[in-house]
Amino acid sequence: MAKRKDSPNQSKFEIDIISKMERSNVSVSELRTGLWAPIEKVSSTSLIYKNFIKNKRSRAISTSWGKVLVTGNILTQVHRDLLDCIFASANNIEELEGGSVAVFFNETDVLKRYGNTAGSNHTWLRTKIREIRNTSIEMEDHSKKYYAFQILEDDGAIPETGEFKIVFSSKYRNYIEGQLTIGYIDELDKLLTIQSALLRAIVRFFWTHKDASKMEIKALLTTVGYPQDSENAIRTARREIESNIDTLEKFGISALEEEVTESGRKKIKKILYRKQEDAKITFSAPLQSLLSK
């Protein structure tokens, strides 16, 4: 991934933010507060969507690591997948006037990285990008600091180069500057082999931990933003995890405690994560703390 050279807006600080976004392109807080819903697509019959409409097109999640309010659209694991694929396929990243950050890429490359063999569904990709752009986020992180931003402020085709660009807003850039961020681009292809959006959300969450971590199933579902308004929803999610534990084990995630139900089925009570030694996951500290040293 190359940066545009000789940008008139570059400075030492701006080069740092570009390098930070190249190395680690999502905040730990985003992956620990359920901002990216653990679903593949929005269905009018789903509990997440019904609650979203009931709450005037907003979705509120509160976890041990912070609170988030998402308004306008439901951002799913697919939206997060596509942003990751954009960073993985980016040609250039550039600081723009006013502090926003543009990422330039080829749409076909992004779609092929995502798994669309032909790479031709540009209209769908642009629709997903504009859903992100038209979504407002309010967040309170673990330190109780409040943020309000839209992730993207602009997007568009560039006929001269055949590229497309997305522009991260200056407010989101400021948010990212002050956050511990994570990069897992080298693990992205492996992550995208997981068909279940819930499981991808769980893997992303556990990747934010540098050390071994364990969590009860119900608390884990809360953390990744899975609705728990009904026992049926919880049972469905639990069984999805239990039936795919072999897949999760490929990412260092395993069952820690199990109990056998009256029907003879094994029921997982807790999940254990141990970071795999060969996993290529990077973390970047907040720029403020780096620049103050």
Protein backbone atom coordinates (compact mmCIF):
# COMPACT_ATOMS: atom_id res chain seq x y z
CA MET A 1 0.00 0.00 0.00
CA ALA A 2 1.68 3.23 -1.13
CA LYS A 3 1.16 6.80 0.00
CA ARG A 4 0.84 9.63 -2.50
CA LYS A 5 4.16 11.45 -2.57
CA ASP A 6 4.79 15.16 -2.24
CA SER A 7 1.29 16.02 -1.05
CA PRO A 8 1.16 19.78 -0.35
CA ASN A 9 -0.77 19.02 2.88
CA GLN A 10 1.77 16.61 4.36
CA SER A 11 3.57 17.28 7.62
CA LYS A 12 5.27 15.02 10.17
CA PHE A 13 1.98 14.67 12.04
CA GLU A 14 0.02 13.91 8.89
CA ILE A 15 2.50 11.27 7.78
CA ASP A 16 2.01 9.65 11.19
CA ILE A 17 -1.77 9.46 10.82
CA ILE A 18 -1.41 7.96 7.35
CA SER A 19 1.08 5.40 8.62
CA LYS A 20 -1.24 4.59 11.54
CA MET A 21 -4.17 3.97 9.21
CA GLU A 22 -2.02 1.82 6.93
CA ARG A 23 -0.78 -0.27 9.83
CA SER A 24 -4.05 -0.51 11.76
CA ASN A 25 -7.29 0.59 10.20
CA VAL A 26 -9.97 0.10 12.87
CA SER A 27 -10.19 1.07 16.53
CA VAL A 28 -10.28 -1.52 19.28
CA SER A 29 -13.30 0.32 20.72
CA GLU A 30 -15.32 -0.23 17.52
CA LEU A 31 -14.80 -3.99 17.76
CA ARG A 32 -15.58 -4.10 21.49
CA THR A 33 -18.82 -2.11 21.45
CA GLY A 34 -20.81 -3.87 18.75
CA LEU A 35 -20.73 -0.94 16.32
CA TRP A 36 -20.51 -3.39 13.41
CA ALA A 37 -23.60 -5.57 13.89
CA PRO A 38 -22.99 -9.35 13.86
CA ILE A 39 -25.27 -9.91 10.87
CA GLU A 40 -24.69 -10.44 7.15
CA LYS A 41 -27.52 -8.28 5.87
CA VAL A 42 -30.43 -6.29 7.23
CA SER A 43 -33.70 -8.22 7.16
CA SER A 44 -37.03 -6.57 7.92
CA THR A 45 -37.95 -9.61 10.04
CA SER A 46 -34.79 -9.62 12.15
CA LEU A 47 -34.81 -8.55 15.78
CA ILE A 48 -31.99 -6.05 15.17
CA TYR A 49 -34.00 -4.32 12.42
CA LYS A 50 -37.26 -4.30 14.40
CA ASN A 51 -35.50 -2.68 17.36
CA PHE A 52 -33.79 -0.24 15.00
CA ILE A 53 -37.10 0.95 13.56
CA LYS A 54 -38.74 1.02 16.99
CA ASN A 55 -35.95 3.32 18.20
CA LYS A 56 -36.37 5.80 15.30
CA ARG A 57 -33.66 4.32 13.08
CA SER A 58 -31.07 4.14 15.83
CA ARG A 59 -29.21 1.29 17.48
CA ALA A 60 -27.71 1.63 20.96
CA ILE A 61 -25.20 -0.81 22.44
CA SER A 62 -23.52 -0.70 25.85
CA THR A 63 -20.64 -2.99 26.82
CA SER A 64 -17.87 -3.10 29.39
CA TRP A 65 -15.66 -1.18 26.97
CA GLY A 66 -17.99 1.68 26.09
CA LYS A 67 -21.26 2.80 24.57
CA VAL A 68 -22.25 3.47 20.98
CA LEU A 69 -25.30 4.94 19.26
CA VAL A 70 -25.61 4.29 15.53
CA THR A 71 -28.19 6.35 13.63
CA GLY A 72 -29.33 6.27 10.00
CA ASN A 73 -28.32 2.76 8.95
CA ILE A 74 -27.39 -0.52 10.58
CA LEU A 75 -23.69 -1.11 9.92
CA THR A 76 -23.07 -4.83 9.54
CA GLN A 77 -20.07 -7.15 9.37
CA VAL A 78 -20.29 -6.83 5.57
CA HIS A 79 -19.66 -3.08 5.83
CA ARG A 80 -16.63 -3.80 8.03
CA ASP A 81 -15.47 -6.53 5.62
CA LEU A 82 -15.58 -4.10 2.71
CA LEU A 83 -13.67 -1.36 4.53
CA ASP A 84 -11.02 -3.94 5.40
CA CYS A 85 -10.85 -5.07 1.76
CA ILE A 86 -10.51 -1.44 0.65
CA PHE A 87 -7.52 -0.92 2.94
CA ALA A 88 -6.03 -4.24 1.84
CA SER A 89 -6.37 -3.21 -1.84
CA ALA A 90 -5.61 0.51 -1.49
CA ASN A 91 -3.35 2.16 -4.05
CA ASN A 92 -2.82 5.35 -2.05
CA ILE A 93 -3.80 7.10 1.13
CA GLU A 94 -3.70 10.89 1.22
CA GLU A 95 -4.28 13.67 3.73
CA LEU A 96 -6.73 16.23 2.38
CA GLU A 97 -7.24 19.86 3.26
CA GLY A 98 -9.18 20.16 6.49
CA GLY A 99 -7.85 16.95 7.98
CA SER A 100 -9.92 14.30 6.21
CA VAL A 101 -8.18 11.24 4.75
CA ALA A 102 -8.81 9.81 1.27
CA VAL A 103 -8.20 6.19 0.30
CA PHE A 104 -7.86 5.41 -3.42
CA PHE A 105 -8.55 1.94 -4.78
CA ASN A 106 -9.77 -0.12 -7.70
CA GLU A 107 -13.32 -1.37 -7.19
CA THR A 108 -12.73 -4.63 -9.07
CA ASP A 109 -9.73 -5.43 -6.87
CA VAL A 110 -11.78 -4.85 -3.72
CA LEU A 111 -14.65 -7.04 -4.90
CA LYS A 112 -12.28 -9.85 -5.89
CA ARG A 113 -10.60 -9.62 -2.49
CA TYR A 114 -14.04 -9.90 -0.90
CA GLY A 115 -14.80 -13.04 -2.88
CA ASN A 116 -16.71 -11.73 -5.90
CA THR A 117 -14.83 -13.67 -8.60
CA ALA A 118 -15.78 -11.37 -11.46
CA GLY A 119 -15.32 -8.23 -9.40
CA SER A 120 -18.08 -6.59 -11.39
CA ASN A 121 -20.75 -5.67 -8.82
CA HIS A 122 -19.65 -2.05 -8.50
CA THR A 123 -23.18 -0.76 -7.89
CA TRP A 124 -23.57 -2.97 -4.81
CA LEU A 125 -20.17 -1.87 -3.47
CA ARG A 126 -21.02 1.81 -3.91
CA THR A 127 -24.38 1.27 -2.17
CA LYS A 128 -22.62 -0.22 0.84
CA ILE A 129 -20.10 2.63 0.90
CA ARG A 130 -22.91 5.21 0.89
CA GLU A 131 -24.71 3.39 3.68
CA ILE A 132 -21.58 3.89 5.78
CA ARG A 133 -21.37 7.52 4.66
CA ASN A 134 -24.99 8.21 5.62
CA THR A 135 -24.63 6.83 9.13
CA SER A 136 -23.96 8.93 12.24
CA ILE A 137 -22.18 7.56 15.28
CA GLU A 138 -21.96 8.72 18.88
CA MET A 139 -19.49 6.87 21.07
CA GLU A 140 -18.27 6.91 24.63
CA ASP A 141 -15.08 4.89 24.95
CA HIS A 142 -13.69 3.06 27.98
CA SER A 143 -12.16 6.31 29.30
CA LYS A 144 -15.61 7.99 29.17
CA LYS A 145 -14.49 10.29 26.38
CA TYR A 146 -17.33 11.26 24.02
CA TYR A 147 -17.10 11.30 20.20
CA ALA A 148 -19.61 12.11 17.48
CA PHE A 149 -18.78 11.50 13.83
CA GLN A 150 -19.65 10.07 10.46
CA ILE A 151 -17.00 7.62 9.31
CA LEU A 152 -17.09 8.76 5.68
CA GLU A 153 -17.80 12.23 4.36
CA ASP A 154 -17.37 11.72 0.60
CA ASP A 155 -16.81 9.13 -2.12
CA GLY A 156 -16.62 9.06 -5.88
CA ALA A 157 -15.09 7.75 -9.07
CA ILE A 158 -11.92 9.26 -10.55
CA PRO A 159 -12.22 8.91 -14.37
CA GLU A 160 -8.62 9.99 -15.01
CA THR A 161 -7.17 6.97 -13.18
CA GLY A 162 -10.06 4.52 -13.18
CA GLU A 163 -9.94 4.52 -9.38
CA PHE A 164 -12.60 5.10 -6.77
CA LYS A 165 -12.06 6.97 -3.52
CA ILE A 166 -13.60 7.11 -0.10
CA VAL A 167 -12.92 10.01 2.24
CA PHE A 168 -12.78 9.47 6.00
CA SER A 169 -14.14 12.51 7.81
CA SER A 170 -11.86 14.78 9.82
CA LYS A 171 -13.89 13.94 12.94
CA TYR A 172 -13.34 10.21 12.42
CA ARG A 173 -9.67 10.86 11.74
CA ASN A 174 -9.46 12.75 15.05
CA TYR A 175 -11.17 9.83 16.77
CA ILE A 176 -8.74 7.30 15.26
CA GLU A 177 -5.77 9.45 16.28
CA GLY A 178 -6.72 9.13 19.94
CA GLN A 179 -7.52 5.42 19.92
CA LEU A 180 -5.66 2.16 20.24
CA THR A 181 -6.11 0.70 16.76
CA ILE A 182 -5.70 -2.79 15.34
CA GLY A 183 -4.61 -4.13 11.97
CA TYR A 184 -5.27 -7.65 10.71
CA ILE A 185 -5.01 -7.23 6.93
CA ASP A 186 -2.60 -10.19 6.70
CA GLU A 187 -5.28 -12.34 8.35
CA LEU A 188 -8.18 -10.94 6.32
CA ASP A 189 -8.39 -13.67 3.68
CA LYS A 190 -8.59 -16.30 6.42
CA LEU A 191 -11.26 -14.29 8.27
CA LEU A 192 -13.39 -13.97 5.12
CA THR A 193 -13.57 -17.75 4.77
CA ILE A 194 -15.97 -17.69 7.74
CA GLN A 195 -19.51 -17.67 6.37
CA SER A 196 -21.20 -16.57 9.61
CA ALA A 197 -21.26 -12.83 10.38
CA LEU A 198 -21.65 -13.62 14.08
CA LEU A 199 -18.48 -15.71 14.06
CA ARG A 200 -16.54 -13.02 12.18
CA ALA A 201 -17.63 -10.47 14.80
CA ILE A 202 -16.45 -12.81 17.56
CA VAL A 203 -13.07 -13.33 15.91
CA ARG A 204 -12.61 -9.59 15.41
CA PHE A 205 -13.46 -8.99 19.06
CA PHE A 206 -11.00 -11.55 20.40
CA TRP A 207 -8.29 -10.27 18.07
CA THR A 208 -8.35 -7.02 20.08
CA HIS A 209 -6.83 -8.92 23.01
CA LYS A 210 -3.07 -9.29 23.16
CA ASP A 211 -3.27 -11.85 25.94
CA ALA A 212 -5.44 -14.87 26.68
CA SER A 213 -9.04 -13.96 27.40
CA LYS A 214 -12.16 -15.82 28.51
CA MET A 215 -15.79 -14.80 28.49
CA GLU A 216 -19.23 -16.25 29.13
CA ILE A 217 -21.33 -16.73 26.01
CA LYS A 218 -24.03 -14.26 27.04
CA ALA A 219 -21.50 -11.50 27.80
CA LEU A 220 -19.76 -12.22 24.49
CA LEU A 221 -23.02 -11.80 22.57
CA THR A 222 -23.62 -8.46 24.31
CA THR A 223 -20.12 -7.27 23.44
CA VAL A 224 -20.44 -7.99 19.71
CA GLY A 225 -23.87 -6.33 19.60
CA TYR A 226 -26.09 -9.37 19.32
CA PRO A 227 -29.67 -8.63 20.50
CA GLN A 228 -30.78 -10.57 23.54
CA ASP A 229 -34.40 -9.51 23.72
CA SER A 230 -35.62 -13.09 23.58
CA GLU A 231 -34.43 -16.47 24.82
CA ASN A 232 -34.97 -17.86 21.33
CA ALA A 233 -32.48 -15.36 19.88
CA ILE A 234 -29.89 -16.29 22.50
CA ARG A 235 -30.41 -20.02 21.88
CA THR A 236 -30.00 -19.50 18.13
CA ALA A 237 -26.72 -17.62 18.59
CA ARG A 238 -25.42 -20.09 21.16
CA ARG A 239 -26.08 -23.04 18.86
CA GLU A 240 -24.39 -21.25 15.96
CA ILE A 241 -21.28 -20.89 18.10
CA GLU A 242 -21.45 -24.45 19.41
CA SER A 243 -21.92 -25.98 15.96
CA ASN A 244 -18.96 -24.02 14.58
CA ILE A 245 -16.47 -24.37 17.42
CA ASP A 246 -14.11 -26.23 15.05
CA THR A 247 -13.99 -23.15 12.84
CA LEU A 248 -13.33 -20.86 15.79
CA GLU A 249 -10.52 -23.11 16.99
CA LYS A 250 -8.61 -22.21 13.82
CA PHE A 251 -8.45 -18.68 15.27
CA GLY A 252 -7.41 -19.69 18.78
CA ILE A 253 -10.96 -19.68 20.18
CA SER A 254 -12.20 -22.74 22.03
CA ALA A 255 -14.78 -23.96 24.54
CA LEU A 256 -13.61 -23.45 28.13
CA GLU A 257 -16.57 -24.79 30.10
CA GLU A 258 -19.26 -27.15 28.91
CA GLU A 259 -22.26 -28.81 30.46
CA VAL A 260 -24.41 -31.64 29.16
CA THR A 261 -28.13 -30.89 28.90
CA GLU A 262 -30.90 -33.36 29.67
CA SER A 263 -31.14 -34.12 25.96
CA GLY A 264 -27.46 -35.03 25.90
CA ARG A 265 -26.35 -31.94 23.97
CA LYS A 266 -23.12 -30.22 24.99
CA LYS A 267 -23.78 -26.62 26.01
CA ILE A 268 -20.82 -24.21 26.04
CA LYS A 269 -20.79 -21.86 29.03
CA LYS A 270 -17.52 -19.99 28.44
CA ILE A 271 -15.21 -19.26 25.52
CA LEU A 272 -11.41 -19.08 25.78
CA TYR A 273 -9.13 -17.16 23.41
CA ARG A 274 -5.39 -17.65 23.11
CA LYS A 275 -3.60 -15.57 20.50
CA GLN A 276 -1.95 -17.78 17.90
CA GLU A 277 1.79 -17.22 17.67
CA ASP A 278 1.74 -17.00 13.88
CA ALA A 279 -1.21 -14.59 13.73
CA LYS A 280 -0.12 -11.35 12.06
CA ILE A 281 -2.05 -8.80 14.10
CA THR A 282 -0.66 -5.33 14.82
CA PHE A 283 -1.63 -2.62 17.30
CA SER A 284 -0.94 1.11 17.14
CA ALA A 285 -1.02 3.34 20.21
CA PRO A 286 -2.90 6.67 20.23
CA LEU A 287 -0.88 9.27 18.32
CA GLN A 288 -1.15 11.79 21.15
CA SER A 289 0.76 9.49 23.48
CA LEU A 290 3.32 8.70 20.79
CA LEU A 291 3.93 12.37 20.02
CA SER A 292 4.23 13.30 23.69
CA LYS A 293 7.16 10.93 24.27
